[in-house]
Amino acid sequence: MGPKTMQLLKAMRGQLEDTSASRNVDAEAAAEAIGMASATSDLDRRLDDLVRAGYLEPDPNATAPTTLRMYRITFSGIYAADNQ
């Protein structure tokens, strides 16, 4: 996984508060926070990579998670973001 993809994961990890029970993250907001255009296929590819790696999963509470780019960061995603 490339450094830009890990930077995106870290930005999503940064959306979580230490005391929050929710692991829901906004991929578009994370992309914008690191200067990545949110309306590109590059972002979609990076999100697909993170889902395949098991670091993200579609938010089960969102009606169209991939359209809204709302995801749930997994515990392995949190670990990877914290230890990279």
C-alpha atoms as a PDB file:
ATOM      1  CA  MET A   1       0.000   0.000   0.000  1.00  0.00           C
ATOM      2  CA  GLY A   2       1.410   3.353  -1.033  1.00  0.00           C
ATOM      3  CA  PRO A   3       2.250   6.278   1.228  1.00  0.00           C
ATOM      4  CA  LYS A   4      -0.598   8.469  -0.107  1.00  0.00           C
ATOM      5  CA  THR A   5      -3.118   5.714   0.671  1.00  0.00           C
ATOM      6  CA  MET A   6      -1.739   5.364   4.192  1.00  0.00           C
ATOM      7  CA  GLN A   7      -1.883   9.145   4.580  1.00  0.00           C
ATOM      8  CA  LEU A   8      -5.576   8.951   3.646  1.00  0.00           C
ATOM      9  CA  LEU A   9      -6.112   6.209   6.236  1.00  0.00           C
ATOM     10  CA  LYS A  10      -4.361   8.303   8.885  1.00  0.00           C
ATOM     11  CA  ALA A  11      -6.569  11.287   8.025  1.00  0.00           C
ATOM     12  CA  MET A  12      -9.654   9.118   8.516  1.00  0.00           C
ATOM     13  CA  ARG A  13      -8.221   7.807  11.791  1.00  0.00           C
ATOM     14  CA  GLY A  14      -7.777  11.420  12.868  1.00  0.00           C
ATOM     15  CA  GLN A  15     -11.541  11.938  12.620  1.00  0.00           C
ATOM     16  CA  LEU A  16     -12.105   9.609  15.569  1.00  0.00           C
ATOM     17  CA  GLU A  17     -11.986  10.948  19.071  1.00  0.00           C
ATOM     18  CA  ASP A  18     -10.214   8.861  21.677  1.00  0.00           C
ATOM     19  CA  THR A  19     -13.408   8.426  23.679  1.00  0.00           C
ATOM     20  CA  SER A  20     -15.752   7.938  20.711  1.00  0.00           C
ATOM     21  CA  ALA A  21     -17.565   4.638  20.389  1.00  0.00           C
ATOM     22  CA  SER A  22     -18.189   5.281  16.693  1.00  0.00           C
ATOM     23  CA  ARG A  23     -15.684   4.266  14.039  1.00  0.00           C
ATOM     24  CA  ASN A  24     -17.525   6.032  11.212  1.00  0.00           C
ATOM     25  CA  VAL A  25     -15.347   8.178   8.963  1.00  0.00           C
ATOM     26  CA  ASP A  26     -15.935  10.532   6.047  1.00  0.00           C
ATOM     27  CA  ALA A  27     -13.526   9.634   3.235  1.00  0.00           C
ATOM     28  CA  GLU A  28     -14.194  12.833   1.266  1.00  0.00           C
ATOM     29  CA  ALA A  29     -13.390  15.034   4.253  1.00  0.00           C
ATOM     30  CA  ALA A  30     -10.209  13.039   4.871  1.00  0.00           C
ATOM     31  CA  ALA A  31      -9.171  13.402   1.227  1.00  0.00           C
ATOM     32  CA  GLU A  32      -9.740  17.135   1.297  1.00  0.00           C
ATOM     33  CA  ALA A  33      -7.780  17.398   4.559  1.00  0.00           C
ATOM     34  CA  ILE A  34      -4.679  15.968   2.861  1.00  0.00           C
ATOM     35  CA  GLY A  35      -5.114  17.962  -0.345  1.00  0.00           C
ATOM     36  CA  MET A  36      -6.476  15.120  -2.471  1.00  0.00           C
ATOM     37  CA  ALA A  37      -9.311  15.873  -4.875  1.00  0.00           C
ATOM     38  CA  SER A  38     -12.382  14.068  -3.616  1.00  0.00           C
ATOM     39  CA  ALA A  39     -14.146  13.694  -6.964  1.00  0.00           C
ATOM     40  CA  THR A  40     -11.543  11.516  -8.660  1.00  0.00           C
ATOM     41  CA  SER A  41     -11.093   7.902  -9.574  1.00  0.00           C
ATOM     42  CA  ASP A  42      -7.767   8.049  -7.701  1.00  0.00           C
ATOM     43  CA  LEU A  43      -9.652   8.422  -4.419  1.00  0.00           C
ATOM     44  CA  ASP A  44     -12.015   5.597  -5.380  1.00  0.00           C
ATOM     45  CA  ARG A  45      -9.036   3.335  -6.134  1.00  0.00           C
ATOM     46  CA  ARG A  46      -7.385   4.148  -2.819  1.00  0.00           C
ATOM     47  CA  LEU A  47     -10.622   3.491  -0.919  1.00  0.00           C
ATOM     48  CA  ASP A  48     -11.014   0.159  -2.728  1.00  0.00           C
ATOM     49  CA  ASP A  49      -7.453  -0.732  -1.689  1.00  0.00           C
ATOM     50  CA  LEU A  50      -8.246   0.086   1.941  1.00  0.00           C
ATOM     51  CA  VAL A  51     -11.439  -1.991   1.853  1.00  0.00           C
ATOM     52  CA  ARG A  52      -9.602  -4.947   0.271  1.00  0.00           C
ATOM     53  CA  ALA A  53      -6.874  -4.691   2.922  1.00  0.00           C
ATOM     54  CA  GLY A  54      -9.542  -4.879   5.633  1.00  0.00           C
ATOM     55  CA  TYR A  55      -8.834  -1.373   6.955  1.00  0.00           C
ATOM     56  CA  LEU A  56     -12.243   0.045   5.957  1.00  0.00           C
ATOM     57  CA  GLU A  57     -15.719  -1.359   5.519  1.00  0.00           C
ATOM     58  CA  PRO A  58     -18.817   0.330   4.120  1.00  0.00           C
ATOM     59  CA  ASP A  59     -20.785   2.052   6.859  1.00  0.00           C
ATOM     60  CA  PRO A  60     -23.761  -0.245   7.501  1.00  0.00           C
ATOM     61  CA  ASN A  61     -25.859   2.752   8.630  1.00  0.00           C
ATOM     62  CA  ALA A  62     -25.436   4.730   5.406  1.00  0.00           C
ATOM     63  CA  THR A  63     -28.036   4.245   2.696  1.00  0.00           C
ATOM     64  CA  ALA A  64     -25.435   4.380  -0.092  1.00  0.00           C
ATOM     65  CA  PRO A  65     -22.020   4.213   1.596  1.00  0.00           C
ATOM     66  CA  THR A  66     -19.853   4.178  -1.505  1.00  0.00           C
ATOM     67  CA  THR A  67     -21.755   7.088  -3.047  1.00  0.00           C
ATOM     68  CA  LEU A  68     -21.537   9.163   0.128  1.00  0.00           C
ATOM     69  CA  ARG A  69     -18.054   7.810   0.845  1.00  0.00           C
ATOM     70  CA  MET A  70     -18.920   7.061   4.443  1.00  0.00           C
ATOM     71  CA  TYR A  71     -17.039   4.117   5.857  1.00  0.00           C
ATOM     72  CA  ARG A  72     -16.320   2.432   9.147  1.00  0.00           C
ATOM     73  CA  ILE A  73     -12.645   2.107   9.971  1.00  0.00           C
ATOM     74  CA  THR A  74     -11.826  -1.365  11.273  1.00  0.00           C
ATOM     75  CA  PHE A  75      -9.708  -2.106  14.314  1.00  0.00           C
ATOM     76  CA  SER A  76      -6.927  -3.297  12.010  1.00  0.00           C
ATOM     77  CA  GLY A  77      -7.250   0.006  10.127  1.00  0.00           C
ATOM     78  CA  ILE A  78      -6.883   1.936  13.375  1.00  0.00           C
ATOM     79  CA  TYR A  79      -3.857  -0.165  14.281  1.00  0.00           C
ATOM     80  CA  ALA A  80      -2.266   0.345  10.852  1.00  0.00           C
ATOM     81  CA  ALA A  81      -2.858   4.113  10.967  1.00  0.00           C
ATOM     82  CA  ASP A  82      -1.420   4.379  14.476  1.00  0.00           C
ATOM     83  CA  ASN A  83       1.663   2.269  13.730  1.00  0.00           C
ATOM     84  CA  GLN A  84       2.792   3.536  10.339  1.00  0.00           C
END
